[in-house]
C-alpha atoms as a PDB file:
ATOM      1  CA  UNK A   1      42.091  -3.663  18.002  1.00  0.00           C
ATOM      2  CA  UNK A   2      45.293  -2.528  16.315  1.00  0.00           C
ATOM      3  CA  UNK A   3      46.729   0.703  17.714  1.00  0.00           C
ATOM      4  CA  UNK A   4      49.285   3.170  16.373  1.00  0.00           C
ATOM      5  CA  UNK A   5      51.652   1.830  19.030  1.00  0.00           C
ATOM      6  CA  UNK A   6      51.415  -1.680  17.535  1.00  0.00           C
ATOM      7  CA  UNK A   7      52.274  -0.416  14.039  1.00  0.00           C
ATOM      8  CA  UNK A   8      55.149   1.631  15.449  1.00  0.00           C
ATOM      9  CA  UNK A   9      56.625  -1.426  17.203  1.00  0.00           C
ATOM     10  CA  UNK A  10      56.374  -3.532  14.041  1.00  0.00           C
ATOM     11  CA  UNK A  11      57.913  -0.768  11.904  1.00  0.00           C
ATOM     12  CA  UNK A  12      60.592   0.210  14.393  1.00  0.00           C
ATOM     13  CA  UNK A  13      59.425   3.818  14.348  1.00  0.00           C
ATOM     14  CA  UNK A  14      58.159   6.364  16.837  1.00  0.00           C
ATOM     15  CA  UNK A  15      54.388   6.529  17.332  1.00  0.00           C
ATOM     16  CA  UNK A  16      54.395  10.162  16.196  1.00  0.00           C
ATOM     17  CA  UNK A  17      56.182   9.227  12.962  1.00  0.00           C
ATOM     18  CA  UNK A  18      53.570   6.554  12.226  1.00  0.00           C
ATOM     19  CA  UNK A  19      50.762   9.010  12.930  1.00  0.00           C
ATOM     20  CA  UNK A  20      52.261  11.636  10.637  1.00  0.00           C
ATOM     21  CA  UNK A  21      52.890   9.057   7.893  1.00  0.00           C
ATOM     22  CA  UNK A  22      49.259   7.943   7.954  1.00  0.00           C
ATOM     23  CA  UNK A  23      48.159  11.585   7.711  1.00  0.00           C
ATOM     24  CA  UNK A  24      50.460  12.225   4.720  1.00  0.00           C
ATOM     25  CA  UNK A  25      52.468  14.922   6.478  1.00  0.00           C
ATOM     26  CA  UNK A  26      55.210  16.407   4.251  1.00  0.00           C
ATOM     27  CA  UNK A  27      58.052  15.876   6.753  1.00  0.00           C
ATOM     28  CA  UNK A  28      57.830  12.071   6.374  1.00  0.00           C
ATOM     29  CA  UNK A  29      59.552  10.424   3.413  1.00  0.00           C
ATOM     30  CA  UNK A  30      57.494   8.767   0.696  1.00  0.00           C
ATOM     31  CA  UNK A  31      59.167   5.407   1.373  1.00  0.00           C
ATOM     32  CA  UNK A  32      58.249   5.560   5.074  1.00  0.00           C
ATOM     33  CA  UNK A  33      54.677   6.539   4.260  1.00  0.00           C
ATOM     34  CA  UNK A  34      54.344   3.588   1.880  1.00  0.00           C
ATOM     35  CA  UNK A  35      55.796   1.126   4.416  1.00  0.00           C
ATOM     36  CA  UNK A  36      53.624   2.401   7.286  1.00  0.00           C
ATOM     37  CA  UNK A  37      50.408   2.412   5.235  1.00  0.00           C
ATOM     38  CA  UNK A  38      51.076  -1.135   4.024  1.00  0.00           C
ATOM     39  CA  UNK A  39      51.661  -2.319   7.590  1.00  0.00           C
ATOM     40  CA  UNK A  40      48.507  -0.552   8.768  1.00  0.00           C
ATOM     41  CA  UNK A  41      46.494  -2.298   6.070  1.00  0.00           C
ATOM     42  CA  UNK A  42      48.015  -5.701   6.845  1.00  0.00           C
ATOM     43  CA  UNK A  43      47.383  -5.295  10.577  1.00  0.00           C
ATOM     44  CA  UNK A  44      43.783  -4.133  10.089  1.00  0.00           C
ATOM     45  CA  UNK A  45      44.267  -0.666  11.547  1.00  0.00           C
ATOM     46  CA  UNK A  46      41.143   1.544  11.563  1.00  0.00           C
ATOM     47  CA  UNK A  47      41.606   5.249  12.441  1.00  0.00           C
ATOM     48  CA  UNK A  48      39.692   6.529  15.456  1.00  0.00           C
ATOM     49  CA  UNK A  49      37.356   9.052  13.843  1.00  0.00           C
ATOM     50  CA  UNK A  50      36.190  10.308  17.246  1.00  0.00           C
ATOM     51  CA  UNK A  51      39.720  11.205  18.287  1.00  0.00           C
ATOM     52  CA  UNK A  52      40.372  12.831  14.930  1.00  0.00           C
ATOM     53  CA  UNK A  53      37.190  14.863  15.320  1.00  0.00           C
ATOM     54  CA  UNK A  54      38.295  16.108  18.724  1.00  0.00           C
ATOM     55  CA  UNK A  55      41.595  17.250  17.241  1.00  0.00           C
ATOM     56  CA  UNK A  56      40.052  18.873  14.176  1.00  0.00           C
ATOM     57  CA  UNK A  57      36.790  19.987  15.816  1.00  0.00           C
ATOM     58  CA  UNK A  58      34.913  18.184  13.043  1.00  0.00           C
ATOM     59  CA  UNK A  59      33.186  14.799  12.865  1.00  0.00           C
ATOM     60  CA  UNK A  60      32.835  14.436   9.084  1.00  0.00           C
ATOM     61  CA  UNK A  61      29.160  13.713   9.729  1.00  0.00           C
ATOM     62  CA  UNK A  62      26.044  15.285   8.255  1.00  0.00           C
ATOM     63  CA  UNK A  63      22.593  14.907   9.763  1.00  0.00           C
ATOM     64  CA  UNK A  64      19.717  14.366   7.308  1.00  0.00           C
ATOM     65  CA  UNK A  65      16.195  14.755   8.694  1.00  0.00           C
ATOM     66  CA  UNK A  66      13.173  13.915   6.522  1.00  0.00           C
ATOM     67  CA  UNK A  67       9.603  12.832   7.193  1.00  0.00           C
ATOM     68  CA  UNK A  68      10.026   9.212   6.054  1.00  0.00           C
ATOM     69  CA  UNK A  69      11.783   7.205   3.360  1.00  0.00           C
ATOM     70  CA  UNK A  70       8.392   5.706   2.540  1.00  0.00           C
ATOM     71  CA  UNK A  71       7.695   9.029   0.797  1.00  0.00           C
ATOM     72  CA  UNK A  72       9.051   8.318  -2.707  1.00  0.00           C
ATOM     73  CA  UNK A  73       9.887  11.983  -3.311  1.00  0.00           C
ATOM     74  CA  UNK A  74      12.853  11.681  -0.952  1.00  0.00           C
ATOM     75  CA  UNK A  75      14.586   8.672  -2.492  1.00  0.00           C
ATOM     76  CA  UNK A  76      16.570  10.588  -5.118  1.00  0.00           C
ATOM     77  CA  UNK A  77      17.087  13.629  -2.878  1.00  0.00           C
ATOM     78  CA  UNK A  78      18.687  11.375  -0.245  1.00  0.00           C
ATOM     79  CA  UNK A  79      20.691   9.539  -2.906  1.00  0.00           C
ATOM     80  CA  UNK A  80      22.134  12.806  -4.225  1.00  0.00           C
ATOM     81  CA  UNK A  81      23.063  14.034  -0.739  1.00  0.00           C
ATOM     82  CA  UNK A  82      24.665  10.731   0.229  1.00  0.00           C
ATOM     83  CA  UNK A  83      26.630  10.481  -3.032  1.00  0.00           C
ATOM     84  CA  UNK A  84      27.961  14.023  -2.780  1.00  0.00           C
ATOM     85  CA  UNK A  85      28.723  13.603   0.928  1.00  0.00           C
ATOM     86  CA  UNK A  86      30.653  10.414   0.167  1.00  0.00           C
ATOM     87  CA  UNK A  87      32.733  12.232  -2.436  1.00  0.00           C
ATOM     88  CA  UNK A  88      33.531  14.918   0.161  1.00  0.00           C
ATOM     89  CA  UNK A  89      34.520  12.352   2.796  1.00  0.00           C
ATOM     90  CA  UNK A  90      31.391  12.683   4.952  1.00  0.00           C
ATOM     91  CA  UNK A  91      29.010  10.097   6.349  1.00  0.00           C
ATOM     92  CA  UNK A  92      25.282  10.812   6.634  1.00  0.00           C
ATOM     93  CA  UNK A  93      23.112  10.061   9.665  1.00  0.00           C
ATOM     94  CA  UNK A  94      19.457   9.697   8.641  1.00  0.00           C
ATOM     95  CA  UNK A  95      16.502  10.435  10.919  1.00  0.00           C
ATOM     96  CA  UNK A  96      12.737  10.304  10.316  1.00  0.00           C
ATOM     97  CA  UNK A  97      10.302  12.791  11.843  1.00  0.00           C
ATOM     98  CA  UNK A  98       7.070  11.159  10.626  1.00  0.00           C
ATOM     99  CA  UNK A  99       5.825  14.773  10.383  1.00  0.00           C
ATOM    100  CA  UNK A 100       5.598  15.010  14.181  1.00  0.00           C
ATOM    101  CA  UNK A 101       7.113  18.232  15.625  1.00  0.00           C
ATOM    102  CA  UNK A 102       8.118  16.594  18.923  1.00  0.00           C
ATOM    103  CA  UNK A 103       9.877  13.780  17.111  1.00  0.00           C
ATOM    104  CA  UNK A 104      11.608  16.289  14.842  1.00  0.00           C
ATOM    105  CA  UNK A 105      13.013  18.099  17.872  1.00  0.00           C
ATOM    106  CA  UNK A 106      14.191  14.807  19.404  1.00  0.00           C
ATOM    107  CA  UNK A 107      15.898  13.804  16.128  1.00  0.00           C
ATOM    108  CA  UNK A 108      17.669  17.150  15.855  1.00  0.00           C
ATOM    109  CA  UNK A 109      18.862  17.007  19.457  1.00  0.00           C
ATOM    110  CA  UNK A 110      20.284  13.518  18.933  1.00  0.00           C
ATOM    111  CA  UNK A 111      22.163  14.722  15.873  1.00  0.00           C
ATOM    112  CA  UNK A 112      23.482  17.740  17.772  1.00  0.00           C
ATOM    113  CA  UNK A 113      24.664  15.357  20.487  1.00  0.00           C
ATOM    114  CA  UNK A 114      26.547  13.446  17.760  1.00  0.00           C
ATOM    115  CA  UNK A 115      28.229  16.778  16.879  1.00  0.00           C
ATOM    116  CA  UNK A 116      27.329  16.677  13.190  1.00  0.00           C
ATOM    117  CA  UNK A 117      29.108  19.259  11.057  1.00  0.00           C
ATOM    118  CA  UNK A 118      25.892  20.267   9.294  1.00  0.00           C
ATOM    119  CA  UNK A 119      22.176  19.518   9.007  1.00  0.00           C
ATOM    120  CA  UNK A 120      19.865  18.929   6.050  1.00  0.00           C
ATOM    121  CA  UNK A 121      16.254  19.243   7.212  1.00  0.00           C
ATOM    122  CA  UNK A 122      12.901  18.776   5.545  1.00  0.00           C
ATOM    123  CA  UNK A 123      10.926  20.757   8.139  1.00  0.00           C
ATOM    124  CA  UNK A 124       7.821  19.570   9.897  1.00  0.00           C
ATOM    125  CA  UNK A 125       5.653  22.517   8.935  1.00  0.00           C
ATOM    126  CA  UNK A 126       3.482  24.182  11.525  1.00  0.00           C
ATOM    127  CA  UNK A 127       1.338  27.295  11.680  1.00  0.00           C
ATOM    128  CA  UNK A 128       3.353  28.812  14.552  1.00  0.00           C
ATOM    129  CA  UNK A 129       5.699  31.667  13.705  1.00  0.00           C
ATOM    130  CA  UNK A 130       8.458  30.273  15.918  1.00  0.00           C
ATOM    131  CA  UNK A 131       9.889  26.878  16.849  1.00  0.00           C
ATOM    132  CA  UNK A 132      12.392  26.715  19.752  1.00  0.00           C
ATOM    133  CA  UNK A 133      14.583  24.014  18.194  1.00  0.00           C
ATOM    134  CA  UNK A 134      15.109  26.115  15.063  1.00  0.00           C
ATOM    135  CA  UNK A 135      15.955  29.147  17.192  1.00  0.00           C
ATOM    136  CA  UNK A 136      18.498  26.967  18.975  1.00  0.00           C
ATOM    137  CA  UNK A 137      20.102  25.965  15.671  1.00  0.00           C
ATOM    138  CA  UNK A 138      20.487  29.650  14.842  1.00  0.00           C
ATOM    139  CA  UNK A 139      21.987  30.411  18.261  1.00  0.00           C
ATOM    140  CA  UNK A 140      24.456  27.526  17.931  1.00  0.00           C
ATOM    141  CA  UNK A 141      25.340  28.586  14.371  1.00  0.00           C
ATOM    142  CA  UNK A 142      24.867  25.050  13.065  1.00  0.00           C
ATOM    143  CA  UNK A 143      25.272  25.002   9.250  1.00  0.00           C
ATOM    144  CA  UNK A 144      21.747  24.111   8.124  1.00  0.00           C
ATOM    145  CA  UNK A 145      20.112  23.697   4.714  1.00  0.00           C
ATOM    146  CA  UNK A 146      16.364  23.247   4.389  1.00  0.00           C
ATOM    147  CA  UNK A 147      15.042  20.720   1.867  1.00  0.00           C
ATOM    148  CA  UNK A 148      11.887  22.489   0.786  1.00  0.00           C
ATOM    149  CA  UNK A 149      10.162  25.787   1.310  1.00  0.00           C
ATOM    150  CA  UNK A 150      10.966  28.202   4.096  1.00  0.00           C
ATOM    151  CA  UNK A 151       8.201  29.150   6.541  1.00  0.00           C
ATOM    152  CA  UNK A 152       8.050  31.824   9.273  1.00  0.00           C
ATOM    153  CA  UNK A 153       9.505  29.502  11.936  1.00  0.00           C
ATOM    154  CA  UNK A 154      12.514  28.529   9.773  1.00  0.00           C
ATOM    155  CA  UNK A 155      13.072  31.379   7.322  1.00  0.00           C
ATOM    156  CA  UNK A 156      16.468  32.211   8.833  1.00  0.00           C
ATOM    157  CA  UNK A 157      18.014  29.292   6.932  1.00  0.00           C
ATOM    158  CA  UNK A 158      19.188  28.713   3.392  1.00  0.00           C
ATOM    159  CA  UNK A 159      16.832  26.449   1.477  1.00  0.00           C
ATOM    160  CA  UNK A 160      16.523  24.585  -1.826  1.00  0.00           C
ATOM    161  CA  UNK A 161      13.050  24.130  -3.258  1.00  0.00           C
ATOM    162  CA  UNK A 162      11.007  23.418  -6.361  1.00  0.00           C
ATOM    163  CA  UNK A 163       9.122  26.284  -7.961  1.00  0.00           C
ATOM    164  CA  UNK A 164       5.808  24.695  -7.009  1.00  0.00           C
ATOM    165  CA  UNK A 165       3.724  27.720  -7.931  1.00  0.00           C
ATOM    166  CA  UNK A 166       4.773  27.815 -11.591  1.00  0.00           C
ATOM    167  CA  UNK A 167       4.670  24.021 -11.823  1.00  0.00           C
ATOM    168  CA  UNK A 168       1.087  23.872 -10.552  1.00  0.00           C
ATOM    169  CA  UNK A 169       0.155  26.802 -12.777  1.00  0.00           C
ATOM    170  CA  UNK A 170       1.449  24.857 -15.796  1.00  0.00           C
ATOM    171  CA  UNK A 171      -0.579  21.769 -14.812  1.00  0.00           C
ATOM    172  CA  UNK A 172      -3.798  23.794 -14.543  1.00  0.00           C
ATOM    173  CA  UNK A 173      -3.052  25.543 -17.828  1.00  0.00           C
ATOM    174  CA  UNK A 174      -2.644  22.132 -19.461  1.00  0.00           C
ATOM    175  CA  UNK A 175      -6.113  21.065 -18.292  1.00  0.00           C
ATOM    176  CA  UNK A 176      -7.635  24.385 -19.351  1.00  0.00           C
ATOM    177  CA  UNK A 177      -6.121  24.085 -22.825  1.00  0.00           C
ATOM    178  CA  UNK A 178      -7.693  20.636 -23.165  1.00  0.00           C
ATOM    179  CA  UNK A 179     -11.062  22.340 -22.623  1.00  0.00           C
ATOM    180  CA  UNK A 180     -11.745  21.630 -18.931  1.00  0.00           C
ATOM    181  CA  UNK A 181     -13.679  24.332 -17.087  1.00  0.00           C
ATOM    182  CA  UNK A 182     -14.590  22.406 -13.928  1.00  0.00           C
ATOM    183  CA  UNK A 183     -11.250  21.345 -12.427  1.00  0.00           C
ATOM    184  CA  UNK A 184     -11.287  19.938  -8.912  1.00  0.00           C
ATOM    185  CA  UNK A 185      -8.254  20.592  -6.709  1.00  0.00           C
ATOM    186  CA  UNK A 186      -7.211  17.993  -4.117  1.00  0.00           C
ATOM    187  CA  UNK A 187      -5.232  20.034  -1.577  1.00  0.00           C
ATOM    188  CA  UNK A 188      -2.589  18.885   0.899  1.00  0.00           C
ATOM    189  CA  UNK A 189      -2.009  19.784   4.574  1.00  0.00           C
ATOM    190  CA  UNK A 190      -2.935  23.436   5.147  1.00  0.00           C
ATOM    191  CA  UNK A 191       0.221  24.295   7.118  1.00  0.00           C
ATOM    192  CA  UNK A 192       2.607  23.303   4.328  1.00  0.00           C
ATOM    193  CA  UNK A 193       3.991  26.016   2.015  1.00  0.00           C
ATOM    194  CA  UNK A 194       3.978  23.591  -0.892  1.00  0.00           C
ATOM    195  CA  UNK A 195       0.203  23.157  -0.547  1.00  0.00           C
ATOM    196  CA  UNK A 196      -0.210  26.916  -0.535  1.00  0.00           C
ATOM    197  CA  UNK A 197       2.025  27.412  -3.565  1.00  0.00           C
ATOM    198  CA  UNK A 198       0.390  24.666  -5.614  1.00  0.00           C
ATOM    199  CA  UNK A 199      -3.055  26.008  -4.810  1.00  0.00           C
ATOM    200  CA  UNK A 200      -1.918  29.520  -5.776  1.00  0.00           C
ATOM    201  CA  UNK A 201      -0.660  28.192  -9.134  1.00  0.00           C
ATOM    202  CA  UNK A 202      -4.059  26.578  -9.714  1.00  0.00           C
ATOM    203  CA  UNK A 203      -5.890  29.765  -8.695  1.00  0.00           C
ATOM    204  CA  UNK A 204      -3.681  31.976 -10.858  1.00  0.00           C
ATOM    205  CA  UNK A 205      -4.224  29.859 -13.986  1.00  0.00           C
ATOM    206  CA  UNK A 206      -7.995  29.900 -13.458  1.00  0.00           C
ATOM    207  CA  UNK A 207      -7.999  33.661 -12.937  1.00  0.00           C
ATOM    208  CA  UNK A 208      -6.031  34.232 -16.152  1.00  0.00           C
ATOM    209  CA  UNK A 209      -8.658  32.137 -17.938  1.00  0.00           C
ATOM    210  CA  UNK A 210     -11.386  34.405 -16.559  1.00  0.00           C
ATOM    211  CA  UNK A 211     -12.570  32.011 -13.847  1.00  0.00           C
ATOM    212  CA  UNK A 212     -12.655  32.141 -10.070  1.00  0.00           C
ATOM    213  CA  UNK A 213     -11.938  29.254  -7.708  1.00  0.00           C
ATOM    214  CA  UNK A 214     -15.160  27.402  -6.891  1.00  0.00           C
ATOM    215  CA  UNK A 215     -14.928  26.257  -3.265  1.00  0.00           C
ATOM    216  CA  UNK A 216     -17.137  23.280  -4.118  1.00  0.00           C
ATOM    217  CA  UNK A 217     -14.292  21.968  -6.274  1.00  0.00           C
ATOM    218  CA  UNK A 218     -11.604  22.208  -3.573  1.00  0.00           C
ATOM    219  CA  UNK A 219     -11.161  19.123  -1.375  1.00  0.00           C
ATOM    220  CA  UNK A 220      -8.774  18.577   1.535  1.00  0.00           C
ATOM    221  CA  UNK A 221      -6.913  15.434   0.576  1.00  0.00           C
ATOM    222  CA  UNK A 222      -3.811  15.216   2.765  1.00  0.00           C
ATOM    223  CA  UNK A 223      -0.788  13.492   1.259  1.00  0.00           C
ATOM    224  CA  UNK A 224      -1.401   9.703   1.009  1.00  0.00           C
ATOM    225  CA  UNK A 225      -3.144   7.228  -1.311  1.00  0.00           C
ATOM    226  CA  UNK A 226      -5.828   6.743   1.336  1.00  0.00           C
ATOM    227  CA  UNK A 227      -6.339  10.512   1.540  1.00  0.00           C
ATOM    228  CA  UNK A 228      -6.788  10.672  -2.234  1.00  0.00           C
ATOM    229  CA  UNK A 229      -9.337   7.861  -2.155  1.00  0.00           C
ATOM    230  CA  UNK A 230     -11.343   9.556   0.610  1.00  0.00           C
ATOM    231  CA  UNK A 231     -11.370  12.869  -1.244  1.00  0.00           C
ATOM    232  CA  UNK A 232     -12.567  11.115  -4.405  1.00  0.00           C
ATOM    233  CA  UNK A 233     -15.414   9.496  -2.450  1.00  0.00           C
ATOM    234  CA  UNK A 234     -16.359  12.884  -1.034  1.00  0.00           C
ATOM    235  CA  UNK A 235     -16.365  14.331  -4.541  1.00  0.00           C
ATOM    236  CA  UNK A 236     -18.665  11.521  -5.738  1.00  0.00           C
ATOM    237  CA  UNK A 237     -20.963  11.854  -2.709  1.00  0.00           C
ATOM    238  CA  UNK A 238     -21.355  15.565  -3.363  1.00  0.00           C
ATOM    239  CA  UNK A 239     -22.346  14.885  -6.988  1.00  0.00           C
ATOM    240  CA  UNK A 240     -19.587  17.142  -8.232  1.00  0.00           C
ATOM    241  CA  UNK A 241     -19.629  18.250 -11.857  1.00  0.00           C
ATOM    242  CA  UNK A 242     -15.818  18.196 -12.187  1.00  0.00           C
ATOM    243  CA  UNK A 243     -14.367  16.868 -15.435  1.00  0.00           C
ATOM    244  CA  UNK A 244     -10.768  16.878 -14.162  1.00  0.00           C
ATOM    245  CA  UNK A 245      -8.874  16.498 -10.888  1.00  0.00           C
ATOM    246  CA  UNK A 246      -5.581  18.210 -10.116  1.00  0.00           C
ATOM    247  CA  UNK A 247      -4.040  16.467  -7.113  1.00  0.00           C
ATOM    248  CA  UNK A 248      -1.470  17.845  -4.693  1.00  0.00           C
ATOM    249  CA  UNK A 249       0.887  14.928  -5.400  1.00  0.00           C
ATOM    250  CA  UNK A 250       1.106  11.680  -7.325  1.00  0.00           C
ATOM    251  CA  UNK A 251       0.114   9.343  -4.492  1.00  0.00           C
ATOM    252  CA  UNK A 252      -3.045  11.364  -3.812  1.00  0.00           C
ATOM    253  CA  UNK A 253      -3.740  11.281  -7.557  1.00  0.00           C
ATOM    254  CA  UNK A 254      -3.339   7.483  -7.616  1.00  0.00           C
ATOM    255  CA  UNK A 255      -5.721   7.075  -4.655  1.00  0.00           C
ATOM    256  CA  UNK A 256      -8.242   9.290  -6.428  1.00  0.00           C
ATOM    257  CA  UNK A 257      -7.851   7.484  -9.755  1.00  0.00           C
ATOM    258  CA  UNK A 258      -8.248   4.026  -8.177  1.00  0.00           C
ATOM    259  CA  UNK A 259     -11.527   5.098  -6.599  1.00  0.00           C
ATOM    260  CA  UNK A 260     -12.855   6.668  -9.795  1.00  0.00           C
ATOM    261  CA  UNK A 261     -11.957   3.560 -11.793  1.00  0.00           C
ATOM    262  CA  UNK A 262     -13.645   1.339  -9.199  1.00  0.00           C
ATOM    263  CA  UNK A 263     -16.881   3.288  -9.846  1.00  0.00           C
ATOM    264  CA  UNK A 264     -16.693   2.443 -13.528  1.00  0.00           C
ATOM    265  CA  UNK A 265     -15.322   5.760 -14.789  1.00  0.00           C
ATOM    266  CA  UNK A 266     -12.785   5.755 -17.591  1.00  0.00           C
ATOM    267  CA  UNK A 267      -9.644   7.886 -17.366  1.00  0.00           C
ATOM    268  CA  UNK A 268      -9.303  10.202 -19.252  1.00  0.00           C
ATOM    269  CA  UNK A 269     -12.475   9.693 -21.340  1.00  0.00           C
ATOM    270  CA  UNK A 270     -14.834  10.403 -18.429  1.00  0.00           C
ATOM    271  CA  UNK A 271     -12.539  12.373 -16.154  1.00  0.00           C
ATOM    272  CA  UNK A 272      -8.901  13.516 -16.297  1.00  0.00           C
ATOM    273  CA  UNK A 273      -6.489  13.183 -13.375  1.00  0.00           C
ATOM    274  CA  UNK A 274      -3.163  14.996 -12.922  1.00  0.00           C
ATOM    275  CA  UNK A 275      -0.613  14.541 -10.136  1.00  0.00           C
ATOM    276  CA  UNK A 276       2.553  16.246  -8.966  1.00  0.00           C
ATOM    277  CA  UNK A 277       6.033  14.834  -8.320  1.00  0.00           C
ATOM    278  CA  UNK A 278       6.693  12.260 -11.064  1.00  0.00           C
ATOM    279  CA  UNK A 279       7.252   9.220  -8.865  1.00  0.00           C
ATOM    280  CA  UNK A 280       7.564   5.706 -10.327  1.00  0.00           C
ATOM    281  CA  UNK A 281       4.132   4.709  -9.031  1.00  0.00           C
ATOM    282  CA  UNK A 282       2.510   7.417 -11.144  1.00  0.00           C
ATOM    283  CA  UNK A 283       4.515   6.599 -14.257  1.00  0.00           C
ATOM    284  CA  UNK A 284       3.592   2.887 -14.024  1.00  0.00           C
ATOM    285  CA  UNK A 285       0.015   3.234 -12.806  1.00  0.00           C
ATOM    286  CA  UNK A 286      -2.501   1.422 -15.036  1.00  0.00           C
ATOM    287  CA  UNK A 287      -3.343   4.805 -16.532  1.00  0.00           C
ATOM    288  CA  UNK A 288       0.046   6.568 -16.496  1.00  0.00           C
ATOM    289  CA  UNK A 289      -0.298   9.906 -14.737  1.00  0.00           C
ATOM    290  CA  UNK A 290       0.162  13.322 -16.205  1.00  0.00           C
ATOM    291  CA  UNK A 291       2.315  15.014 -13.589  1.00  0.00           C
ATOM    292  CA  UNK A 292       5.037  17.509 -12.803  1.00  0.00           C
ATOM    293  CA  UNK A 293       8.621  16.295 -12.650  1.00  0.00           C
ATOM    294  CA  UNK A 294      10.382  17.673  -9.595  1.00  0.00           C
ATOM    295  CA  UNK A 295      14.186  17.925  -9.986  1.00  0.00           C
ATOM    296  CA  UNK A 296      14.751  15.633  -7.011  1.00  0.00           C
ATOM    297  CA  UNK A 297      18.396  14.666  -7.613  1.00  0.00           C
ATOM    298  CA  UNK A 298      19.332  18.257  -8.482  1.00  0.00           C
ATOM    299  CA  UNK A 299      17.659  19.466  -5.290  1.00  0.00           C
ATOM    300  CA  UNK A 300      19.843  17.138  -3.219  1.00  0.00           C
ATOM    301  CA  UNK A 301      22.960  18.158  -5.104  1.00  0.00           C
ATOM    302  CA  UNK A 302      22.138  21.872  -4.728  1.00  0.00           C
ATOM    303  CA  UNK A 303      21.665  21.321  -0.987  1.00  0.00           C
ATOM    304  CA  UNK A 304      25.197  19.925  -0.680  1.00  0.00           C
ATOM    305  CA  UNK A 305      26.575  22.846  -2.709  1.00  0.00           C
ATOM    306  CA  UNK A 306      24.926  25.221  -0.238  1.00  0.00           C
ATOM    307  CA  UNK A 307      26.292  23.242   2.704  1.00  0.00           C
ATOM    308  CA  UNK A 308      29.842  23.475   1.365  1.00  0.00           C
ATOM    309  CA  UNK A 309      29.547  27.249   1.246  1.00  0.00           C
ATOM    310  CA  UNK A 310      28.198  27.372   4.788  1.00  0.00           C
ATOM    311  CA  UNK A 311      31.095  25.249   6.024  1.00  0.00           C
ATOM    312  CA  UNK A 312      33.482  27.735   4.417  1.00  0.00           C
ATOM    313  CA  UNK A 313      31.840  30.522   6.377  1.00  0.00           C
ATOM    314  CA  UNK A 314      29.948  31.930   3.402  1.00  0.00           C
ATOM    315  CA  UNK A 315      26.226  32.670   3.054  1.00  0.00           C
ATOM    316  CA  UNK A 316      24.884  30.998  -0.102  1.00  0.00           C
ATOM    317  CA  UNK A 317      21.747  32.066  -1.910  1.00  0.00           C
ATOM    318  CA  UNK A 318      18.652  29.924  -1.578  1.00  0.00           C
ATOM    319  CA  UNK A 319      17.851  27.948  -4.728  1.00  0.00           C
ATOM    320  CA  UNK A 320      14.473  27.629  -6.473  1.00  0.00           C
ATOM    321  CA  UNK A 321      14.591  25.021  -9.229  1.00  0.00           C
ATOM    322  CA  UNK A 322      12.091  24.755 -12.090  1.00  0.00           C
ATOM    323  CA  UNK A 323       9.889  21.699 -12.579  1.00  0.00           C
ATOM    324  CA  UNK A 324       8.650  20.193 -15.842  1.00  0.00           C
ATOM    325  CA  UNK A 325       5.158  19.183 -16.939  1.00  0.00           C
ATOM    326  CA  UNK A 326       4.992  15.543 -18.084  1.00  0.00           C
ATOM    327  CA  UNK A 327       1.875  14.760 -20.138  1.00  0.00           C
ATOM    328  CA  UNK A 328       0.759  11.126 -20.080  1.00  0.00           C
ATOM    329  CA  UNK A 329      -2.418   9.143 -20.679  1.00  0.00           C
ATOM    330  CA  UNK A 330      -4.435  10.297 -17.656  1.00  0.00           C
ATOM    331  CA  UNK A 331      -5.486  13.653 -19.133  1.00  0.00           C
ATOM    332  CA  UNK A 332      -7.574  14.312 -22.221  1.00  0.00           C
ATOM    333  CA  UNK A 333     -10.425  16.412 -23.542  1.00  0.00           C
ATOM    334  CA  UNK A 334     -13.486  16.659 -21.260  1.00  0.00           C
ATOM    335  CA  UNK A 335     -16.740  14.781 -21.858  1.00  0.00           C
ATOM    336  CA  UNK A 336     -19.799  16.734 -23.008  1.00  0.00           C
ATOM    337  CA  UNK A 337     -21.313  16.415 -19.521  1.00  0.00           C
ATOM    338  CA  UNK A 338     -19.734  15.460 -16.213  1.00  0.00           C
ATOM    339  CA  UNK A 339     -19.936  11.699 -15.595  1.00  0.00           C
ATOM    340  CA  UNK A 340     -19.487  12.216 -11.856  1.00  0.00           C
ATOM    341  CA  UNK A 341     -23.046  13.490 -11.489  1.00  0.00           C
ATOM    342  CA  UNK A 342     -24.398  10.268 -12.997  1.00  0.00           C
ATOM    343  CA  UNK A 343     -22.755   8.109 -10.334  1.00  0.00           C
ATOM    344  CA  UNK A 344     -24.712   6.719  -7.414  1.00  0.00           C
ATOM    345  CA  UNK A 345     -22.732   6.980  -4.138  1.00  0.00           C
END
């Protein structure tokens, strides 16, 4: 491995002069800088980032903690963070929690051990009001930006989020305007703020239309395609009279739609289905999904903006970005009578 000493010997200069030339210090002539940098390139010199970090008390590393890259929502968020970090001269260390609190804590501790300059975290939501690892981040004053909604255990941190309540409200309003009065809601994990907000948007739109939430139309559906399929089967088994389904996200909506289609129902002639998130799977499903477009790239970019302010010792405001309703082929006017009740489980 080429060292500064090797470049200094080749150039006939002091090691300190070579070091200062490579760091563009003003007391080194332009000609010397050019000669030293050319030699360093020719000799394959790679700066020791660990040593530089010890000198500067920085590592030029960000930690990024999400549930899993298999969740398509994160692809553009991660892309935005990595692109902006690259422009700022940072590398990004990625860790997956798989929505397991113990794994989340282990991931965060590993990143702290790597002395990252800041953390981007999509929290593993829990019902508890406190989480020791988040209290530790506060005590250590680690610059931290949450990717998603704050909750009691992590509300000390700056966050960037989608306005899920208004987005869900708009989706329910869309179905109501088409004439649907029996709209099933496929909910996500109870502990997650985004489930609560999307359900509240649904409830608020129904209330404004003079209707109350019918508990028989609310199904716990989790967050996966399999969860959506199971909830659809439950809805069929209970002989529901729903004419539309509003799902917590696009993958749940796809799982639901696949099941309904397999029972011979037509979408949207017999039943409408709406998702949330605007992932590619929903857009290219055999009946393209009506959904809500989350500003995924802008969320990632806003998170880096917030991180820059934290690194400067400032306290940025949390950001709540609007979403957009995307109407596609999966929603239409309701049938005269619910086709679900005519199905045989």
